[in-house]
Amino acid sequence: QRWTNTKIGNYIDALYFTIAALTTTGFGDITLTGTLG
């Protein structure tokens, strides 16, 4: 995602999204784009 998603700038951003998705919290401030995302 780091090449196409401006919200994923480093590992902390990616970790934040992973935890939010894993817990199904879904804050919505970071989302993955595209079919692969």
Full PDB file with SEQRES, HELIX, SHEET, SSBOND, CRYST1, ORIGX, SCALE, CONECT and MASTER records, all heavy atoms in Angstrom:
SEQRES   1 A   37  GLN ARG TRP THR ASN THR LYS ILE GLY ASN TYR ILE ASP          
SEQRES   2 A   37  ALA LEU TYR PHE THR ILE ALA ALA LEU THR THR THR GLY          
SEQRES   3 A   37  PHE GLY ASP ILE THR LEU THR GLY THR LEU GLY                  
HELIX    1 AA1 TYR A   11  LEU A   22  1                                  12    
CRYST1    1.000    1.000    1.000  90.00  90.00  90.00 P 1           1          
ORIGX1      1.000000  0.000000  0.000000        0.00000                         
ORIGX2      0.000000  1.000000  0.000000        0.00000                         
ORIGX3      0.000000  0.000000  1.000000        0.00000                         
SCALE1      1.000000  0.000000  0.000000        0.00000                         
SCALE2      0.000000  1.000000  0.000000        0.00000                         
SCALE3      0.000000  0.000000  1.000000        0.00000                         
ATOM      1  N   GLN A   1       0.785  -1.232   0.000  1.00  0.00           N  
ATOM      2  CA  GLN A   1       0.000   0.000   0.000  1.00  0.00           C  
ATOM      3  C   GLN A   1       0.818   1.284   0.000  1.00  0.00           C  
ATOM      4  O   GLN A   1       0.320   2.340  -0.375  1.00  0.00           O  
ATOM      5  CB  GLN A   1      -0.930   0.018   1.231  1.00  0.00           C  
ATOM      6  CG  GLN A   1      -1.982  -1.059   1.233  1.00  0.00           C  
ATOM      7  CD  GLN A   1      -3.044  -0.835   0.178  1.00  0.00           C  
ATOM      8  OE1 GLN A   1      -3.637   0.232   0.094  1.00  0.00           O  
ATOM      9  NE2 GLN A   1      -3.299  -1.868  -0.629  1.00  0.00           N  
ATOM     10  N   ARG A   2       2.080   1.218   0.416  1.00  0.00           N  
ATOM     11  CA  ARG A   2       2.828   2.459   0.616  1.00  0.00           C  
ATOM     12  C   ARG A   2       3.058   3.226  -0.677  1.00  0.00           C  
ATOM     13  O   ARG A   2       3.282   4.440  -0.647  1.00  0.00           O  
ATOM     14  CB  ARG A   2       4.166   2.187   1.288  1.00  0.00           C  
ATOM     15  CG  ARG A   2       5.160   1.352   0.473  1.00  0.00           C  
ATOM     16  CD  ARG A   2       6.390   1.056   1.299  1.00  0.00           C  
ATOM     17  NE  ARG A   2       7.366   0.240   0.607  1.00  0.00           N  
ATOM     18  CZ  ARG A   2       8.628   0.603   0.420  1.00  0.00           C  
ATOM     19  NH1 ARG A   2       9.046   1.782   0.846  1.00  0.00           N  
ATOM     20  NH2 ARG A   2       9.468  -0.203  -0.191  1.00  0.00           N  
ATOM     21  N   TRP A   3       3.000   2.557  -1.830  1.00  0.00           N  
ATOM     22  CA  TRP A   3       3.230   3.247  -3.094  1.00  0.00           C  
ATOM     23  C   TRP A   3       1.978   3.965  -3.589  1.00  0.00           C  
ATOM     24  O   TRP A   3       2.073   4.940  -4.332  1.00  0.00           O  
ATOM     25  CB  TRP A   3       3.696   2.255  -4.168  1.00  0.00           C  
ATOM     26  CG  TRP A   3       4.895   1.457  -3.756  1.00  0.00           C  
ATOM     27  CD1 TRP A   3       4.932   0.130  -3.437  1.00  0.00           C  
ATOM     28  CD2 TRP A   3       6.230   1.939  -3.590  1.00  0.00           C  
ATOM     29  NE1 TRP A   3       6.196  -0.256  -3.088  1.00  0.00           N  
ATOM     30  CE2 TRP A   3       7.021   0.833  -3.185  1.00  0.00           C  
ATOM     31  CE3 TRP A   3       6.840   3.178  -3.757  1.00  0.00           C  
ATOM     32  CZ2 TRP A   3       8.386   0.942  -2.933  1.00  0.00           C  
ATOM     33  CZ3 TRP A   3       8.202   3.284  -3.512  1.00  0.00           C  
ATOM     34  CH2 TRP A   3       8.959   2.184  -3.108  1.00  0.00           C  
ATOM     35  N   THR A   4       0.808   3.484  -3.209  1.00  0.00           N  
ATOM     36  CA  THR A   4      -0.441   4.022  -3.756  1.00  0.00           C  
ATOM     37  C   THR A   4      -1.370   4.620  -2.712  1.00  0.00           C  
ATOM     38  O   THR A   4      -2.302   5.331  -3.069  1.00  0.00           O  
ATOM     39  CB  THR A   4      -1.200   2.906  -4.502  1.00  0.00           C  
ATOM     40  OG1 THR A   4      -1.457   1.818  -3.599  1.00  0.00           O  
ATOM     41  CG2 THR A   4      -0.371   2.379  -5.676  1.00  0.00           C  
ATOM     42  N   ASN A   5      -1.127   4.329  -1.444  1.00  0.00           N  
ATOM     43  CA  ASN A   5      -2.035   4.785  -0.380  1.00  0.00           C  
ATOM     44  C   ASN A   5      -1.307   5.811   0.483  1.00  0.00           C  
ATOM     45  O   ASN A   5      -0.381   5.475   1.226  1.00  0.00           O  
ATOM     46  CB  ASN A   5      -2.483   3.586   0.465  1.00  0.00           C  
ATOM     47  CG  ASN A   5      -3.643   3.914   1.375  1.00  0.00           C  
ATOM     48  OD1 ASN A   5      -3.829   5.063   1.769  1.00  0.00           O  
ATOM     49  ND2 ASN A   5      -4.427   2.901   1.712  1.00  0.00           N  
ATOM     50  N   THR A   6      -1.716   7.051   0.406  1.00  0.00           N  
ATOM     51  CA  THR A   6      -1.043   8.122   1.149  1.00  0.00           C  
ATOM     52  C   THR A   6      -1.213   7.985   2.655  1.00  0.00           C  
ATOM     53  O   THR A   6      -0.457   8.607   3.419  1.00  0.00           O  
ATOM     54  CB  THR A   6      -1.596   9.495   0.714  1.00  0.00           C  
ATOM     55  OG1 THR A   6      -3.025   9.520   0.921  1.00  0.00           O  
ATOM     56  CG2 THR A   6      -1.304   9.756  -0.762  1.00  0.00           C  
ATOM     57  N   LYS A   7      -2.158   7.180   3.097  1.00  0.00           N  
ATOM     58  CA  LYS A   7      -2.390   7.013   4.533  1.00  0.00           C  
ATOM     59  C   LYS A   7      -1.478   5.959   5.155  1.00  0.00           C  
ATOM     60  O   LYS A   7      -1.439   5.816   6.378  1.00  0.00           O  
ATOM     61  CB  LYS A   7      -3.854   6.651   4.783  1.00  0.00           C  
ATOM     62  CG  LYS A   7      -4.821   7.774   4.390  1.00  0.00           C  
ATOM     63  CD  LYS A   7      -6.249   7.394   4.687  1.00  0.00           C  
ATOM     64  CE  LYS A   7      -7.203   8.521   4.317  1.00  0.00           C  
ATOM     65  NZ  LYS A   7      -8.625   8.158   4.581  1.00  0.00           N  
ATOM     66  N   ILE A   8      -0.781   5.184   4.333  1.00  0.00           N  
ATOM     67  CA  ILE A   8       0.165   4.180   4.823  1.00  0.00           C  
ATOM     68  C   ILE A   8       1.564   4.700   4.544  1.00  0.00           C  
ATOM     69  O   ILE A   8       2.122   4.503   3.462  1.00  0.00           O  
ATOM     70  CB  ILE A   8      -0.046   2.811   4.141  1.00  0.00           C  
ATOM     71  CG1 ILE A   8      -1.486   2.324   4.329  1.00  0.00           C  
ATOM     72  CG2 ILE A   8       0.937   1.792   4.699  1.00  0.00           C  
ATOM     73  CD1 ILE A   8      -1.858   1.977   5.746  1.00  0.00           C  
ATOM     74  N   GLY A   9       2.138   5.394   5.522  1.00  0.00           N  
ATOM     75  CA  GLY A   9       3.447   6.008   5.329  1.00  0.00           C  
ATOM     76  C   GLY A   9       4.584   5.244   5.967  1.00  0.00           C  
ATOM     77  O   GLY A   9       5.746   5.408   5.582  1.00  0.00           O  
ATOM     78  N   ASN A  10       4.282   4.390   6.970  1.00  0.00           N  
ATOM     79  CA  ASN A  10       5.317   3.621   7.651  1.00  0.00           C  
ATOM     80  C   ASN A  10       4.673   2.400   8.307  1.00  0.00           C  
ATOM     81  O   ASN A  10       3.464   2.177   8.191  1.00  0.00           O  
ATOM     82  CB  ASN A  10       6.032   4.491   8.696  1.00  0.00           C  
ATOM     83  CG  ASN A  10       5.055   5.177   9.637  1.00  0.00           C  
ATOM     84  OD1 ASN A  10       4.238   4.525  10.290  1.00  0.00           O  
ATOM     85  ND2 ASN A  10       5.111   6.506   9.683  1.00  0.00           N  
ATOM     86  N   TYR A  11       5.495   1.627   9.013  1.00  0.00           N  
ATOM     87  CA  TYR A  11       4.991   0.397   9.620  1.00  0.00           C  
ATOM     88  C   TYR A  11       3.955   0.669  10.709  1.00  0.00           C  
ATOM     89  O   TYR A  11       3.060  -0.152  10.930  1.00  0.00           O  
ATOM     90  CB  TYR A  11       6.155  -0.419  10.191  1.00  0.00           C  
ATOM     91  CG  TYR A  11       6.610  -1.531   9.292  1.00  0.00           C  
ATOM     92  CD1 TYR A  11       7.464  -1.270   8.226  1.00  0.00           C  
ATOM     93  CD2 TYR A  11       6.186  -2.838   9.477  1.00  0.00           C  
ATOM     94  CE1 TYR A  11       7.892  -2.277   7.382  1.00  0.00           C  
ATOM     95  CE2 TYR A  11       6.604  -3.852   8.645  1.00  0.00           C  
ATOM     96  CZ  TYR A  11       7.454  -3.570   7.596  1.00  0.00           C  
ATOM     97  OH  TYR A  11       7.848  -4.584   6.759  1.00  0.00           O  
ATOM     98  N   ILE A  12       4.090   1.784  11.381  1.00  0.00           N  
ATOM     99  CA  ILE A  12       3.117   2.081  12.442  1.00  0.00           C  
ATOM    100  C   ILE A  12       1.727   2.282  11.844  1.00  0.00           C  
ATOM    101  O   ILE A  12       0.722   1.810  12.397  1.00  0.00           O  
ATOM    102  CB  ILE A  12       3.551   3.319  13.247  1.00  0.00           C  
ATOM    103  CG1 ILE A  12       4.903   3.078  13.899  1.00  0.00           C  
ATOM    104  CG2 ILE A  12       2.504   3.660  14.303  1.00  0.00           C  
ATOM    105  CD1 ILE A  12       4.953   1.881  14.819  1.00  0.00           C  
ATOM    106  N   ASP A  13       1.641   2.986  10.715  1.00  0.00           N  
ATOM    107  CA  ASP A  13       0.355   3.149  10.038  1.00  0.00           C  
ATOM    108  C   ASP A  13      -0.207   1.788   9.642  1.00  0.00           C  
ATOM    109  O   ASP A  13      -1.411   1.528   9.817  1.00  0.00           O  
ATOM    110  CB  ASP A  13       0.518   4.017   8.787  1.00  0.00           C  
ATOM    111  CG  ASP A  13       0.919   5.442   9.110  1.00  0.00           C  
ATOM    112  OD1 ASP A  13       0.622   5.898  10.235  1.00  0.00           O  
ATOM    113  OD2 ASP A  13       1.524   6.103   8.242  1.00  0.00           O  
ATOM    114  N   ALA A  14       0.664   0.937   9.089  1.00  0.00           N  
ATOM    115  CA  ALA A  14       0.212  -0.393   8.666  1.00  0.00           C  
ATOM    116  C   ALA A  14      -0.209  -1.233   9.872  1.00  0.00           C  
ATOM    117  O   ALA A  14      -1.208  -1.961   9.814  1.00  0.00           O  
ATOM    118  CB  ALA A  14       1.323  -1.095   7.892  1.00  0.00           C  
ATOM    119  N   LEU A  15       0.544  -1.141  10.974  1.00  0.00           N  
ATOM    120  CA  LEU A  15       0.193  -1.869  12.189  1.00  0.00           C  
ATOM    121  C   LEU A  15      -1.136  -1.379  12.755  1.00  0.00           C  
ATOM    122  O   LEU A  15      -1.977  -2.171  13.180  1.00  0.00           O  
ATOM    123  CB  LEU A  15       1.303  -1.709  13.229  1.00  0.00           C  
ATOM    124  CG  LEU A  15       1.046  -2.343  14.601  1.00  0.00           C  
ATOM    125  CD1 LEU A  15       0.911  -3.854  14.479  1.00  0.00           C  
ATOM    126  CD2 LEU A  15       2.184  -1.998  15.567  1.00  0.00           C  
ATOM    127  N   TYR A  16      -1.331  -0.076  12.734  1.00  0.00           N  
ATOM    128  CA  TYR A  16      -2.586   0.520  13.228  1.00  0.00           C  
ATOM    129  C   TYR A  16      -3.776  -0.030  12.444  1.00  0.00           C  
ATOM    130  O   TYR A  16      -4.793  -0.429  13.030  1.00  0.00           O  
ATOM    131  CB  TYR A  16      -2.503   2.037  13.104  1.00  0.00           C  
ATOM    132  CG  TYR A  16      -3.796   2.766  13.364  1.00  0.00           C  
ATOM    133  CD1 TYR A  16      -4.279   2.926  14.662  1.00  0.00           C  
ATOM    134  CD2 TYR A  16      -4.539   3.313  12.319  1.00  0.00           C  
ATOM    135  CE1 TYR A  16      -5.460   3.602  14.907  1.00  0.00           C  
ATOM    136  CE2 TYR A  16      -5.721   3.987  12.551  1.00  0.00           C  
ATOM    137  CZ  TYR A  16      -6.180   4.125  13.846  1.00  0.00           C  
ATOM    138  OH  TYR A  16      -7.358   4.799  14.085  1.00  0.00           O  
ATOM    139  N   PHE A  17      -3.654  -0.054  11.122  1.00  0.00           N  
ATOM    140  CA  PHE A  17      -4.750  -0.588  10.313  1.00  0.00           C  
ATOM    141  C   PHE A  17      -4.962  -2.070  10.603  1.00  0.00           C  
ATOM    142  O   PHE A  17      -6.103  -2.528  10.724  1.00  0.00           O  
ATOM    143  CB  PHE A  17      -4.481  -0.400   8.818  1.00  0.00           C  
ATOM    144  CG  PHE A  17      -5.476  -1.148   7.971  1.00  0.00           C  
ATOM    145  CD1 PHE A  17      -6.729  -0.621   7.728  1.00  0.00           C  
ATOM    146  CD2 PHE A  17      -5.178  -2.415   7.471  1.00  0.00           C  
ATOM    147  CE1 PHE A  17      -7.674  -1.326   6.983  1.00  0.00           C  
ATOM    148  CE2 PHE A  17      -6.104  -3.128   6.735  1.00  0.00           C  
ATOM    149  CZ  PHE A  17      -7.360  -2.582   6.483  1.00  0.00           C  
ATOM    150  N   THR A  18      -3.864  -2.834  10.706  1.00  0.00           N  
ATOM    151  CA  THR A  18      -3.983  -4.270  10.937  1.00  0.00           C  
ATOM    152  C   THR A  18      -4.725  -4.569  12.231  1.00  0.00           C  
ATOM    153  O   THR A  18      -5.619  -5.424  12.273  1.00  0.00           O  
ATOM    154  CB  THR A  18      -2.585  -4.925  10.969  1.00  0.00           C  
ATOM    155  OG1 THR A  18      -1.914  -4.674   9.732  1.00  0.00           O  
ATOM    156  CG2 THR A  18      -2.689  -6.420  11.184  1.00  0.00           C  
ATOM    157  N   ILE A  19      -4.378  -3.846  13.295  1.00  0.00           N  
ATOM    158  CA  ILE A  19      -5.045  -4.055  14.586  1.00  0.00           C  
ATOM    159  C   ILE A  19      -6.511  -3.637  14.498  1.00  0.00           C  
ATOM    160  O   ILE A  19      -7.398  -4.316  15.030  1.00  0.00           O  
ATOM    161  CB  ILE A  19      -4.327  -3.273  15.703  1.00  0.00           C  
ATOM    162  CG1 ILE A  19      -2.896  -3.789  15.884  1.00  0.00           C  
ATOM    163  CG2 ILE A  19      -5.095  -3.395  17.013  1.00  0.00           C  
ATOM    164  CD1 ILE A  19      -2.798  -5.219  16.322  1.00  0.00           C  
ATOM    165  N   ALA A  20      -6.783  -2.521  13.826  1.00  0.00           N  
ATOM    166  CA  ALA A  20      -8.165  -2.055  13.697  1.00  0.00           C  
ATOM    167  C   ALA A  20      -9.008  -3.060  12.921  1.00  0.00           C  
ATOM    168  O   ALA A  20     -10.169  -3.324  13.269  1.00  0.00           O  
ATOM    169  CB  ALA A  20      -8.195  -0.690  13.002  1.00  0.00           C  
ATOM    170  N   ALA A  21      -8.432  -3.652  11.868  1.00  0.00           N  
ATOM    171  CA  ALA A  21      -9.166  -4.642  11.079  1.00  0.00           C  
ATOM    172  C   ALA A  21      -9.323  -5.941  11.861  1.00  0.00           C  
ATOM    173  O   ALA A  21     -10.384  -6.563  11.841  1.00  0.00           O  
ATOM    174  CB  ALA A  21      -8.442  -4.903   9.762  1.00  0.00           C  
ATOM    175  N   LEU A  22      -8.274  -6.351  12.561  1.00  0.00           N  
ATOM    176  CA  LEU A  22      -8.306  -7.598  13.316  1.00  0.00           C  
ATOM    177  C   LEU A  22      -9.376  -7.557  14.403  1.00  0.00           C  
ATOM    178  O   LEU A  22     -10.087  -8.534  14.629  1.00  0.00           O  
ATOM    179  CB  LEU A  22      -6.932  -7.865  13.917  1.00  0.00           C  
ATOM    180  CG  LEU A  22      -6.699  -9.158  14.681  1.00  0.00           C  
ATOM    181  CD1 LEU A  22      -5.235  -9.570  14.548  1.00  0.00           C  
ATOM    182  CD2 LEU A  22      -7.027  -8.997  16.171  1.00  0.00           C  
ATOM    183  N   THR A  23      -9.485  -6.430  15.077  1.00  0.00           N  
ATOM    184  CA  THR A  23     -10.475  -6.302  16.159  1.00  0.00           C  
ATOM    185  C   THR A  23     -11.842  -5.899  15.634  1.00  0.00           C  
ATOM    186  O   THR A  23     -12.764  -5.721  16.424  1.00  0.00           O  
ATOM    187  CB  THR A  23      -9.996  -5.264  17.186  1.00  0.00           C  
ATOM    188  OG1 THR A  23      -9.788  -4.001  16.528  1.00  0.00           O  
ATOM    189  CG2 THR A  23      -8.697  -5.706  17.841  1.00  0.00           C  
ATOM    190  N   THR A  24     -11.957  -5.752  14.312  1.00  0.00           N  
ATOM    191  CA  THR A  24     -13.190  -5.310  13.640  1.00  0.00           C  
ATOM    192  C   THR A  24     -13.666  -3.961  14.159  1.00  0.00           C  
ATOM    193  O   THR A  24     -14.857  -3.658  14.100  1.00  0.00           O  
ATOM    194  CB  THR A  24     -14.318  -6.359  13.767  1.00  0.00           C  
ATOM    195  OG1 THR A  24     -14.740  -6.472  15.137  1.00  0.00           O  
ATOM    196  CG2 THR A  24     -13.871  -7.713  13.260  1.00  0.00           C  
ATOM    197  N   THR A  25     -12.729  -3.162  14.704  1.00  0.00           N  
ATOM    198  CA  THR A  25     -13.101  -1.826  15.185  1.00  0.00           C  
ATOM    199  C   THR A  25     -13.496  -0.933  14.014  1.00  0.00           C  
ATOM    200  O   THR A  25     -14.501  -0.215  14.075  1.00  0.00           O  
ATOM    201  CB  THR A  25     -11.925  -1.186  15.945  1.00  0.00           C  
ATOM    202  OG1 THR A  25     -11.542  -2.068  17.006  1.00  0.00           O  
ATOM    203  CG2 THR A  25     -12.321   0.159  16.515  1.00  0.00           C  
ATOM    204  N   GLY A  26     -12.676  -0.944  12.958  1.00  0.00           N  
ATOM    205  CA  GLY A  26     -13.014  -0.218  11.749  1.00  0.00           C  
ATOM    206  C   GLY A  26     -13.196   1.275  11.940  1.00  0.00           C  
ATOM    207  O   GLY A  26     -14.271   1.816  11.704  1.00  0.00           O  
ATOM    208  N   PHE A  27     -12.159   1.982  12.402  1.00  0.00           N  
ATOM    209  CA  PHE A  27     -12.278   3.423  12.609  1.00  0.00           C  
ATOM    210  C   PHE A  27     -12.559   4.166  11.304  1.00  0.00           C  
ATOM    211  O   PHE A  27     -13.188   5.214  11.305  1.00  0.00           O  
ATOM    212  CB  PHE A  27     -10.993   3.975  13.239  1.00  0.00           C  
ATOM    213  CG  PHE A  27     -10.777   3.493  14.648  1.00  0.00           C  
ATOM    214  CD1 PHE A  27      -9.720   2.674  14.964  1.00  0.00           C  
ATOM    215  CD2 PHE A  27     -11.657   3.859  15.652  1.00  0.00           C  
ATOM    216  CE1 PHE A  27      -9.518   2.234  16.255  1.00  0.00           C  
ATOM    217  CE2 PHE A  27     -11.469   3.425  16.954  1.00  0.00           C  
ATOM    218  CZ  PHE A  27     -10.397   2.602  17.263  1.00  0.00           C  
ATOM    219  N   GLY A  28     -12.054   3.657  10.186  1.00  0.00           N  
ATOM    220  CA  GLY A  28     -12.327   4.279   8.903  1.00  0.00           C  
ATOM    221  C   GLY A  28     -11.370   5.368   8.491  1.00  0.00           C  
ATOM    222  O   GLY A  28     -11.457   5.870   7.369  1.00  0.00           O  
ATOM    223  N   ASP A  29     -10.437   5.766   9.384  1.00  0.00           N  
ATOM    224  CA  ASP A  29      -9.486   6.811   9.008  1.00  0.00           C  
ATOM    225  C   ASP A  29      -8.400   6.287   8.084  1.00  0.00           C  
ATOM    226  O   ASP A  29      -7.797   7.035   7.325  1.00  0.00           O  
ATOM    227  CB  ASP A  29      -8.858   7.449  10.253  1.00  0.00           C  
ATOM    228  CG  ASP A  29      -8.283   6.414  11.208  1.00  0.00           C  
ATOM    229  OD1 ASP A  29      -8.626   5.234  11.068  1.00  0.00           O  
ATOM    230  OD2 ASP A  29      -7.491   6.795  12.084  1.00  0.00           O  
ATOM    231  N   ILE A  30      -8.126   4.965   8.132  1.00  0.00           N  
ATOM    232  CA  ILE A  30      -7.204   4.333   7.194  1.00  0.00           C  
ATOM    233  C   ILE A  30      -7.910   3.141   6.572  1.00  0.00           C  
ATOM    234  O   ILE A  30      -8.409   2.259   7.282  1.00  0.00           O  
ATOM    235  CB  ILE A  30      -5.916   3.856   7.886  1.00  0.00           C  
ATOM    236  CG1 ILE A  30      -5.147   5.041   8.488  1.00  0.00           C  
ATOM    237  CG2 ILE A  30      -5.019   3.117   6.900  1.00  0.00           C  
ATOM    238  CD1 ILE A  30      -3.864   4.647   9.191  1.00  0.00           C  
ATOM    239  N   THR A  31      -7.968   3.113   5.248  1.00  0.00           N  
ATOM    240  CA  THR A  31      -8.553   1.987   4.537  1.00  0.00           C  
ATOM    241  C   THR A  31      -7.612   1.565   3.417  1.00  0.00           C  
ATOM    242  O   THR A  31      -6.820   2.371   2.925  1.00  0.00           O  
ATOM    243  CB  THR A  31      -9.919   2.348   3.934  1.00  0.00           C  
ATOM    244  OG1 THR A  31      -9.770   3.487   3.074  1.00  0.00           O  
ATOM    245  CG2 THR A  31     -10.929   2.668   5.025  1.00  0.00           C  
ATOM    246  N   LEU A  32      -7.673   0.298   3.031  1.00  0.00           N  
ATOM    247  CA  LEU A  32      -6.849  -0.203   1.949  1.00  0.00           C  
ATOM    248  C   LEU A  32      -7.582  -0.052   0.627  1.00  0.00           C  
ATOM    249  O   LEU A  32      -8.797  -0.234   0.560  1.00  0.00           O  
ATOM    250  CB  LEU A  32      -6.487  -1.673   2.183  1.00  0.00           C  
ATOM    251  CG  LEU A  32      -5.750  -1.997   3.475  1.00  0.00           C  
ATOM    252  CD1 LEU A  32      -5.204  -3.422   3.435  1.00  0.00           C  
ATOM    253  CD2 LEU A  32      -4.626  -1.009   3.753  1.00  0.00           C  
ATOM    254  N   THR A  33      -6.837   0.276  -0.405  1.00  0.00           N  
ATOM    255  CA  THR A  33      -7.425   0.538  -1.711  1.00  0.00           C  
ATOM    256  C   THR A  33      -7.177  -0.613  -2.662  1.00  0.00           C  
ATOM    257  O   THR A  33      -6.229  -1.385  -2.500  1.00  0.00           O  
ATOM    258  CB  THR A  33      -6.834   1.827  -2.318  1.00  0.00           C  
ATOM    259  OG1 THR A  33      -5.402   1.670  -2.441  1.00  0.00           O  
ATOM    260  CG2 THR A  33      -7.114   3.023  -1.421  1.00  0.00           C  
ATOM    261  N   GLY A  34      -8.031  -0.711  -3.665  1.00  0.00           N  
ATOM    262  CA  GLY A  34      -7.856  -1.713  -4.702  1.00  0.00           C  
ATOM    263  C   GLY A  34      -8.331  -3.092  -4.282  1.00  0.00           C  
ATOM    264  O   GLY A  34      -8.611  -3.348  -3.104  1.00  0.00           O  
ATOM    265  N   THR A  35      -8.418  -3.979  -5.260  1.00  0.00           N  
ATOM    266  CA  THR A  35      -8.878  -5.349  -5.004  1.00  0.00           C  
ATOM    267  C   THR A  35      -7.964  -6.080  -4.035  1.00  0.00           C  
ATOM    268  O   THR A  35      -8.426  -6.762  -3.115  1.00  0.00           O  
ATOM    269  CB  THR A  35      -8.959  -6.133  -6.327  1.00  0.00           C  
ATOM    270  OG1 THR A  35      -9.852  -5.454  -7.228  1.00  0.00           O  
ATOM    271  CG2 THR A  35      -9.469  -7.547  -6.082  1.00  0.00           C  
ATOM    272  N   LEU A  36      -6.650  -5.932  -4.227  1.00  0.00           N  
ATOM    273  CA  LEU A  36      -5.699  -6.588  -3.327  1.00  0.00           C  
ATOM    274  C   LEU A  36      -5.855  -6.072  -1.911  1.00  0.00           C  
ATOM    275  O   LEU A  36      -5.814  -6.847  -0.949  1.00  0.00           O  
ATOM    276  CB  LEU A  36      -4.265  -6.362  -3.817  1.00  0.00           C  
ATOM    277  CG  LEU A  36      -3.153  -6.966  -2.947  1.00  0.00           C  
ATOM    278  CD1 LEU A  36      -3.319  -8.474  -2.848  1.00  0.00           C  
ATOM    279  CD2 LEU A  36      -1.778  -6.614  -3.502  1.00  0.00           C  
ATOM    280  N   GLY A  37      -6.026  -4.762  -1.752  1.00  0.00           N  
ATOM    281  CA  GLY A  37      -6.209  -4.181  -0.420  1.00  0.00           C  
ATOM    282  C   GLY A  37      -7.452  -4.718   0.269  1.00  0.00           C  
ATOM    283  O   GLY A  37      -7.432  -5.029   1.471  1.00  0.00           O  
TER     284      GLY A  37                                                      
MASTER        0    0    0    1    0    0    0    6  283    1    0    3          
END                                                                             
